[in-house]
C-alpha atoms as a PDB file:
ATOM      1  CA  UNK A   1      97.722 110.601 115.714  1.00  0.00           C
ATOM      2  CA  UNK A   2      99.236 114.141 115.392  1.00  0.00           C
ATOM      3  CA  UNK A   3      99.266 117.148 118.207  1.00  0.00           C
ATOM      4  CA  UNK A   4      97.341 120.738 116.231  1.00  0.00           C
ATOM      5  CA  UNK A   5      98.120 123.924 116.741  1.00  0.00           C
ATOM      6  CA  UNK A   6      94.946 125.990 114.562  1.00  0.00           C
ATOM      7  CA  UNK A   7      95.631 129.646 115.014  1.00  0.00           C
ATOM      8  CA  UNK A   8      92.686 130.531 112.693  1.00  0.00           C
ATOM      9  CA  UNK A   9      90.848 134.169 113.773  1.00  0.00           C
ATOM     10  CA  UNK A  10      87.098 132.572 111.243  1.00  0.00           C
ATOM     11  CA  UNK A  11      85.392 131.029 114.401  1.00  0.00           C
ATOM     12  CA  UNK A  12      83.258 128.988 111.492  1.00  0.00           C
ATOM     13  CA  UNK A  13      85.939 127.560 109.801  1.00  0.00           C
ATOM     14  CA  UNK A  14      88.072 127.569 113.120  1.00  0.00           C
ATOM     15  CA  UNK A  15      85.175 124.993 114.383  1.00  0.00           C
ATOM     16  CA  UNK A  16      84.793 123.230 111.086  1.00  0.00           C
ATOM     17  CA  UNK A  17      88.442 121.740 111.127  1.00  0.00           C
ATOM     18  CA  UNK A  18      88.975 121.131 114.327  1.00  0.00           C
ATOM     19  CA  UNK A  19      86.006 119.171 114.057  1.00  0.00           C
ATOM     20  CA  UNK A  20      87.187 117.133 110.334  1.00  0.00           C
ATOM     21  CA  UNK A  21      91.168 117.090 111.734  1.00  0.00           C
ATOM     22  CA  UNK A  22      90.009 115.316 115.649  1.00  0.00           C
ATOM     23  CA  UNK A  23      87.366 112.400 113.357  1.00  0.00           C
ATOM     24  CA  UNK A  24      90.163 112.104 111.246  1.00  0.00           C
ATOM     25  CA  UNK A  25      92.515 111.154 113.722  1.00  0.00           C
ATOM     26  CA  UNK A  26      95.167 114.200 115.012  1.00  0.00           C
ATOM     27  CA  UNK A  27      93.996 116.529 118.072  1.00  0.00           C
ATOM     28  CA  UNK A  28      93.297 120.154 117.813  1.00  0.00           C
ATOM     29  CA  UNK A  29      95.063 122.636 120.014  1.00  0.00           C
ATOM     30  CA  UNK A  30      92.575 126.132 118.636  1.00  0.00           C
ATOM     31  CA  UNK A  31      93.429 129.899 119.202  1.00  0.00           C
ATOM     32  CA  UNK A  32      92.005 132.986 117.750  1.00  0.00           C
ATOM     33  CA  UNK A  33      94.563 135.150 117.615  1.00  0.00           C
ATOM     34  CA  UNK A  34      98.716 135.084 117.300  1.00  0.00           C
ATOM     35  CA  UNK A  35      99.660 135.517 121.278  1.00  0.00           C
ATOM     36  CA  UNK A  36      97.870 132.762 122.154  1.00  0.00           C
ATOM     37  CA  UNK A  37      98.770 131.442 119.451  1.00  0.00           C
ATOM     38  CA  UNK A  38     102.683 131.571 120.210  1.00  0.00           C
ATOM     39  CA  UNK A  39     101.595 131.179 124.570  1.00  0.00           C
ATOM     40  CA  UNK A  40     100.265 127.498 122.909  1.00  0.00           C
ATOM     41  CA  UNK A  41     102.933 127.124 120.837  1.00  0.00           C
ATOM     42  CA  UNK A  42     105.434 126.272 123.777  1.00  0.00           C
ATOM     43  CA  UNK A  43     102.828 125.407 126.389  1.00  0.00           C
ATOM     44  CA  UNK A  44     101.318 122.339 123.891  1.00  0.00           C
ATOM     45  CA  UNK A  45     104.728 121.812 121.817  1.00  0.00           C
ATOM     46  CA  UNK A  46     102.922 120.712 118.988  1.00  0.00           C
ATOM     47  CA  UNK A  47     103.856 118.933 116.739  1.00  0.00           C
ATOM     48  CA  UNK A  48     102.438 121.015 113.162  1.00  0.00           C
ATOM     49  CA  UNK A  49     101.116 124.176 113.822  1.00  0.00           C
ATOM     50  CA  UNK A  50      98.227 125.076 111.344  1.00  0.00           C
ATOM     51  CA  UNK A  51      99.328 129.392 111.037  1.00  0.00           C
ATOM     52  CA  UNK A  52      96.232 131.707 108.709  1.00  0.00           C
ATOM     53  CA  UNK A  53      97.427 135.086 108.043  1.00  0.00           C
ATOM     54  CA  UNK A  54      95.235 137.154 108.095  1.00  0.00           C
ATOM     55  CA  UNK A  55      95.068 137.814 112.174  1.00  0.00           C
ATOM     56  CA  UNK A  56      93.965 140.564 114.014  1.00  0.00           C
ATOM     57  CA  UNK A  57      96.380 141.655 117.003  1.00  0.00           C
ATOM     58  CA  UNK A  58      99.526 140.446 114.600  1.00  0.00           C
ATOM     59  CA  UNK A  59     100.676 140.512 110.767  1.00  0.00           C
ATOM     60  CA  UNK A  60     101.016 136.807 110.010  1.00  0.00           C
ATOM     61  CA  UNK A  61     104.500 137.204 108.356  1.00  0.00           C
ATOM     62  CA  UNK A  62     105.387 138.591 111.795  1.00  0.00           C
ATOM     63  CA  UNK A  63     104.224 135.586 113.567  1.00  0.00           C
ATOM     64  CA  UNK A  64     105.283 133.273 111.511  1.00  0.00           C
ATOM     65  CA  UNK A  65     108.833 135.006 112.205  1.00  0.00           C
ATOM     66  CA  UNK A  66     108.210 135.253 115.596  1.00  0.00           C
ATOM     67  CA  UNK A  67     106.846 131.170 115.933  1.00  0.00           C
ATOM     68  CA  UNK A  68     110.432 130.876 114.486  1.00  0.00           C
ATOM     69  CA  UNK A  69     112.543 132.517 116.830  1.00  0.00           C
ATOM     70  CA  UNK A  70     110.814 130.634 119.959  1.00  0.00           C
ATOM     71  CA  UNK A  71     110.107 127.071 117.794  1.00  0.00           C
ATOM     72  CA  UNK A  72     111.513 124.964 115.109  1.00  0.00           C
ATOM     73  CA  UNK A  73     107.485 122.540 114.736  1.00  0.00           C
ATOM     74  CA  UNK A  74     106.715 122.596 111.320  1.00  0.00           C
ATOM     75  CA  UNK A  75     104.187 125.293 109.655  1.00  0.00           C
ATOM     76  CA  UNK A  76     101.998 125.132 107.092  1.00  0.00           C
ATOM     77  CA  UNK A  77     100.593 128.833 106.821  1.00  0.00           C
ATOM     78  CA  UNK A  78      96.912 129.565 105.015  1.00  0.00           C
ATOM     79  CA  UNK A  79      96.590 132.092 103.173  1.00  0.00           C
ATOM     80  CA  UNK A  80      94.141 134.124 100.788  1.00  0.00           C
ATOM     81  CA  UNK A  81      96.692 134.412  98.296  1.00  0.00           C
ATOM     82  CA  UNK A  82      97.716 132.519  95.518  1.00  0.00           C
ATOM     83  CA  UNK A  83     100.614 135.035  93.888  1.00  0.00           C
ATOM     84  CA  UNK A  84     104.019 133.747  93.422  1.00  0.00           C
ATOM     85  CA  UNK A  85     104.985 136.549  95.397  1.00  0.00           C
ATOM     86  CA  UNK A  86     102.900 135.969  98.810  1.00  0.00           C
ATOM     87  CA  UNK A  87     104.119 133.109  98.227  1.00  0.00           C
ATOM     88  CA  UNK A  88     108.579 133.711  97.755  1.00  0.00           C
ATOM     89  CA  UNK A  89     107.338 135.621 101.243  1.00  0.00           C
ATOM     90  CA  UNK A  90     105.933 133.026 104.065  1.00  0.00           C
ATOM     91  CA  UNK A  91     108.310 130.736 103.019  1.00  0.00           C
ATOM     92  CA  UNK A  92     111.300 132.746 103.068  1.00  0.00           C
ATOM     93  CA  UNK A  93     110.486 133.747 106.478  1.00  0.00           C
ATOM     94  CA  UNK A  94     110.008 129.869 107.605  1.00  0.00           C
ATOM     95  CA  UNK A  95     107.216 128.157 106.344  1.00  0.00           C
ATOM     96  CA  UNK A  96     107.182 124.446 105.803  1.00  0.00           C
ATOM     97  CA  UNK A  97     103.983 124.469 103.440  1.00  0.00           C
ATOM     98  CA  UNK A  98     100.987 126.304 102.273  1.00  0.00           C
ATOM     99  CA  UNK A  99      97.526 126.200 101.180  1.00  0.00           C
ATOM    100  CA  UNK A 100      95.750 128.364  99.835  1.00  0.00           C
ATOM    101  CA  UNK A 101      91.716 129.698 100.825  1.00  0.00           C
ATOM    102  CA  UNK A 102      88.972 127.964 100.429  1.00  0.00           C
ATOM    103  CA  UNK A 103      90.717 124.883 100.970  1.00  0.00           C
ATOM    104  CA  UNK A 104      88.751 121.624 102.877  1.00  0.00           C
ATOM    105  CA  UNK A 105      90.161 119.615 105.771  1.00  0.00           C
ATOM    106  CA  UNK A 106      90.971 116.546 103.264  1.00  0.00           C
ATOM    107  CA  UNK A 107      93.107 118.683 102.012  1.00  0.00           C
ATOM    108  CA  UNK A 108      94.634 120.217 104.760  1.00  0.00           C
ATOM    109  CA  UNK A 109      95.241 116.961 106.180  1.00  0.00           C
ATOM    110  CA  UNK A 110      97.199 115.868 103.498  1.00  0.00           C
ATOM    111  CA  UNK A 111      99.558 118.585 103.686  1.00  0.00           C
ATOM    112  CA  UNK A 112     100.201 117.630 107.625  1.00  0.00           C
ATOM    113  CA  UNK A 113     100.915 113.949 106.817  1.00  0.00           C
ATOM    114  CA  UNK A 114     102.741 114.717 103.823  1.00  0.00           C
ATOM    115  CA  UNK A 115     104.510 117.663 106.435  1.00  0.00           C
ATOM    116  CA  UNK A 116     104.903 115.342 108.751  1.00  0.00           C
ATOM    117  CA  UNK A 117     106.523 112.279 106.775  1.00  0.00           C
ATOM    118  CA  UNK A 118     109.508 115.244 105.942  1.00  0.00           C
ATOM    119  CA  UNK A 119     110.393 116.084 109.683  1.00  0.00           C
ATOM    120  CA  UNK A 120     113.762 114.090 110.167  1.00  0.00           C
ATOM    121  CA  UNK A 121     113.037 110.672 112.735  1.00  0.00           C
ATOM    122  CA  UNK A 122     109.165 110.982 112.167  1.00  0.00           C
ATOM    123  CA  UNK A 123     107.927 108.865 109.286  1.00  0.00           C
ATOM    124  CA  UNK A 124     104.520 108.448 111.469  1.00  0.00           C
ATOM    125  CA  UNK A 125     104.252 104.677 110.299  1.00  0.00           C
ATOM    126  CA  UNK A 126     105.406 103.659 114.750  1.00  0.00           C
ATOM    127  CA  UNK A 127     102.896 106.308 116.019  1.00  0.00           C
ATOM    128  CA  UNK A 128     101.099 104.755 118.335  1.00  0.00           C
ATOM    129  CA  UNK A 129      96.796 105.514 116.789  1.00  0.00           C
ATOM    130  CA  UNK A 130      93.594 106.231 119.475  1.00  0.00           C
ATOM    131  CA  UNK A 131      90.367 106.848 118.077  1.00  0.00           C
ATOM    132  CA  UNK A 132      87.695 106.960 120.165  1.00  0.00           C
ATOM    133  CA  UNK A 133      88.063 103.781 122.667  1.00  0.00           C
ATOM    134  CA  UNK A 134      89.756 102.457 119.875  1.00  0.00           C
ATOM    135  CA  UNK A 135      93.763 102.337 120.230  1.00  0.00           C
ATOM    136  CA  UNK A 136      96.859 100.733 118.252  1.00  0.00           C
ATOM    137  CA  UNK A 137      99.854 100.105 118.552  1.00  0.00           C
ATOM    138  CA  UNK A 138     102.697  99.139 115.549  1.00  0.00           C
ATOM    139  CA  UNK A 139     105.397  98.851 117.404  1.00  0.00           C
ATOM    140  CA  UNK A 140     103.856  96.086 119.586  1.00  0.00           C
ATOM    141  CA  UNK A 141     101.227  95.023 117.646  1.00  0.00           C
ATOM    142  CA  UNK A 142      98.630  95.831 120.034  1.00  0.00           C
ATOM    143  CA  UNK A 143      95.234  96.786 119.872  1.00  0.00           C
ATOM    144  CA  UNK A 144      92.526  96.802 122.224  1.00  0.00           C
ATOM    145  CA  UNK A 145      89.297  98.251 122.270  1.00  0.00           C
ATOM    146  CA  UNK A 146      87.866 100.963 125.145  1.00  0.00           C
ATOM    147  CA  UNK A 147      90.350  99.289 126.688  1.00  0.00           C
ATOM    148  CA  UNK A 148      90.223  95.354 126.566  1.00  0.00           C
ATOM    149  CA  UNK A 149      92.811  93.507 123.956  1.00  0.00           C
ATOM    150  CA  UNK A 150      92.081  92.804 120.919  1.00  0.00           C
ATOM    151  CA  UNK A 151      92.436  89.518 119.875  1.00  0.00           C
ATOM    152  CA  UNK A 152      93.514  90.016 115.651  1.00  0.00           C
ATOM    153  CA  UNK A 153      95.177  87.786 113.599  1.00  0.00           C
ATOM    154  CA  UNK A 154      98.641  89.524 111.599  1.00  0.00           C
ATOM    155  CA  UNK A 155      96.782  90.366 107.961  1.00  0.00           C
ATOM    156  CA  UNK A 156      93.781  91.512 111.036  1.00  0.00           C
ATOM    157  CA  UNK A 157      95.838  93.724 112.247  1.00  0.00           C
ATOM    158  CA  UNK A 158      97.621  94.838 109.348  1.00  0.00           C
ATOM    159  CA  UNK A 159      94.176  95.889 107.351  1.00  0.00           C
ATOM    160  CA  UNK A 160      92.541  97.617 110.977  1.00  0.00           C
ATOM    161  CA  UNK A 161      95.918  99.544 110.896  1.00  0.00           C
ATOM    162  CA  UNK A 162      96.330 101.122 107.091  1.00  0.00           C
ATOM    163  CA  UNK A 163      92.261 102.069 107.524  1.00  0.00           C
ATOM    164  CA  UNK A 164      93.565 103.110 111.849  1.00  0.00           C
ATOM    165  CA  UNK A 165      96.069 104.848 109.296  1.00  0.00           C
ATOM    166  CA  UNK A 166      93.414 106.597 106.851  1.00  0.00           C
ATOM    167  CA  UNK A 167      90.626 107.444 109.342  1.00  0.00           C
ATOM    168  CA  UNK A 168      88.070 109.369 106.997  1.00  0.00           C
ATOM    169  CA  UNK A 169      89.235 108.495 103.792  1.00  0.00           C
ATOM    170  CA  UNK A 170      87.726 105.428 101.649  1.00  0.00           C
ATOM    171  CA  UNK A 171      90.071 103.059 101.105  1.00  0.00           C
ATOM    172  CA  UNK A 172      88.912 100.591  97.752  1.00  0.00           C
ATOM    173  CA  UNK A 173      89.398  96.999  97.929  1.00  0.00           C
ATOM    174  CA  UNK A 174      91.478  97.007  95.415  1.00  0.00           C
ATOM    175  CA  UNK A 175      93.883  99.091  97.182  1.00  0.00           C
ATOM    176  CA  UNK A 176      93.552  96.612 100.053  1.00  0.00           C
ATOM    177  CA  UNK A 177      94.436  94.399  98.429  1.00  0.00           C
ATOM    178  CA  UNK A 178      97.755  96.214  96.882  1.00  0.00           C
ATOM    179  CA  UNK A 179      99.134  97.790 100.292  1.00  0.00           C
ATOM    180  CA  UNK A 180      97.237  94.763 102.394  1.00  0.00           C
ATOM    181  CA  UNK A 181      97.863  91.828 101.057  1.00  0.00           C
ATOM    182  CA  UNK A 182     100.890  93.257  99.160  1.00  0.00           C
ATOM    183  CA  UNK A 183      99.530  92.512  95.582  1.00  0.00           C
ATOM    184  CA  UNK A 184      99.682  95.080  93.160  1.00  0.00           C
ATOM    185  CA  UNK A 185      98.019  93.029  89.709  1.00  0.00           C
ATOM    186  CA  UNK A 186      94.700  92.544  92.433  1.00  0.00           C
ATOM    187  CA  UNK A 187      93.582  88.969  93.795  1.00  0.00           C
ATOM    188  CA  UNK A 188      89.875  88.162  94.313  1.00  0.00           C
ATOM    189  CA  UNK A 189      87.877  90.812  96.340  1.00  0.00           C
ATOM    190  CA  UNK A 190      86.397  88.025  98.345  1.00  0.00           C
ATOM    191  CA  UNK A 191      89.053  87.441 100.424  1.00  0.00           C
ATOM    192  CA  UNK A 192      88.546  91.373 101.911  1.00  0.00           C
ATOM    193  CA  UNK A 193      85.798  90.378 102.368  1.00  0.00           C
ATOM    194  CA  UNK A 194      86.157  88.038 104.797  1.00  0.00           C
ATOM    195  CA  UNK A 195      89.007  89.831 106.755  1.00  0.00           C
ATOM    196  CA  UNK A 196      86.523  93.328 107.334  1.00  0.00           C
ATOM    197  CA  UNK A 197      83.260  90.683 108.359  1.00  0.00           C
ATOM    198  CA  UNK A 198      86.070  88.830 110.864  1.00  0.00           C
ATOM    199  CA  UNK A 199      87.008  92.719 111.531  1.00  0.00           C
ATOM    200  CA  UNK A 200      83.382  93.895 112.591  1.00  0.00           C
ATOM    201  CA  UNK A 201      82.749  91.171 114.767  1.00  0.00           C
ATOM    202  CA  UNK A 202      86.118  91.865 117.452  1.00  0.00           C
ATOM    203  CA  UNK A 203      84.800  95.403 116.843  1.00  0.00           C
ATOM    204  CA  UNK A 204      81.415  94.282 118.217  1.00  0.00           C
ATOM    205  CA  UNK A 205      79.894  95.925 115.187  1.00  0.00           C
ATOM    206  CA  UNK A 206      77.928  94.507 112.143  1.00  0.00           C
ATOM    207  CA  UNK A 207      77.504  95.928 109.107  1.00  0.00           C
ATOM    208  CA  UNK A 208      73.994  96.972 109.445  1.00  0.00           C
ATOM    209  CA  UNK A 209      74.705  98.953 112.390  1.00  0.00           C
ATOM    210  CA  UNK A 210      78.841  99.427 111.888  1.00  0.00           C
ATOM    211  CA  UNK A 211      80.726 101.728 114.365  1.00  0.00           C
ATOM    212  CA  UNK A 212      84.290 102.364 113.043  1.00  0.00           C
ATOM    213  CA  UNK A 213      83.625 100.089 109.749  1.00  0.00           C
ATOM    214  CA  UNK A 214      81.803 102.480 107.428  1.00  0.00           C
ATOM    215  CA  UNK A 215      80.900 101.128 103.615  1.00  0.00           C
ATOM    216  CA  UNK A 216      80.648 103.179 101.300  1.00  0.00           C
ATOM    217  CA  UNK A 217      78.690 100.925  98.604  1.00  0.00           C
ATOM    218  CA  UNK A 218      80.309 101.205  95.117  1.00  0.00           C
ATOM    219  CA  UNK A 219      84.081 102.570  96.800  1.00  0.00           C
ATOM    220  CA  UNK A 220      85.182 101.138  99.527  1.00  0.00           C
ATOM    221  CA  UNK A 221      85.866 100.790 103.231  1.00  0.00           C
ATOM    222  CA  UNK A 222      86.648 103.850 105.960  1.00  0.00           C
ATOM    223  CA  UNK A 223      87.397 104.050 109.641  1.00  0.00           C
ATOM    224  CA  UNK A 224      85.879 106.560 111.503  1.00  0.00           C
ATOM    225  CA  UNK A 225      85.237 108.004 114.696  1.00  0.00           C
ATOM    226  CA  UNK A 226      82.163 106.603 116.327  1.00  0.00           C
ATOM    227  CA  UNK A 227      79.279 109.140 115.749  1.00  0.00           C
ATOM    228  CA  UNK A 228      80.124 111.251 112.499  1.00  0.00           C
ATOM    229  CA  UNK A 229      78.728 112.161 110.352  1.00  0.00           C
ATOM    230  CA  UNK A 230      78.028 110.236 107.314  1.00  0.00           C
ATOM    231  CA  UNK A 231      78.418 112.198 103.519  1.00  0.00           C
ATOM    232  CA  UNK A 232      76.996 111.003 100.582  1.00  0.00           C
ATOM    233  CA  UNK A 233      78.540 109.079  99.122  1.00  0.00           C
ATOM    234  CA  UNK A 234      80.048 110.278  95.695  1.00  0.00           C
ATOM    235  CA  UNK A 235      79.166 107.889  92.435  1.00  0.00           C
ATOM    236  CA  UNK A 236      81.998 108.439  90.643  1.00  0.00           C
ATOM    237  CA  UNK A 237      84.610 107.988  92.903  1.00  0.00           C
ATOM    238  CA  UNK A 238      87.099 104.961  93.656  1.00  0.00           C
ATOM    239  CA  UNK A 239      87.126 101.853  91.319  1.00  0.00           C
ATOM    240  CA  UNK A 240      85.068  99.106  92.207  1.00  0.00           C
ATOM    241  CA  UNK A 241      82.105  97.187  90.337  1.00  0.00           C
END
């Protein structure tokens, strides 16, 4: 889980991004203008800052330069302009990456994870993950639900950790067989089905009444924050029959 600081003056966009990024496993602090954002950058010590350039009090590029004067935390800039001059300008001012509006929270999440992977000593693979009352620590290979230890087999733990590391994203059975079982050329889908069923039981849920593990028919499975809204499945995505 990454600690993010979102500096964005658009109330609707800030609320929507905060909600979805939280569902995707991040902790999000927000600011609606540059100066409160600069204070939060110092006080909250985030892992990464998402900075809108169109702020009401201080120009976004100047805000970026001010940030660089007090912190070397990675910064992703959000800009409505996609011309080469604008991109070069913000990168030269100290941005680590940029996204052009409009963008989705999932696109932003992918950029966040990519930038954090480039931070020396921060692969993200060893960080504990907290999603609602579920806690997973890959270093100790422990998992807890509502502060109660989960008794998982090694493969159940690997499956849970992989799904949690990709929280909110649909993962196909083929992808699970490759990444969790190490079978890049496929394997028995039933293997995944059985382990998911065992994992559901230990999480205290069923396929009919899911909390964390949500099946997207014909696509795959995803781990979600309990109570998050369920979008309509995309029948064109995924590789399951």
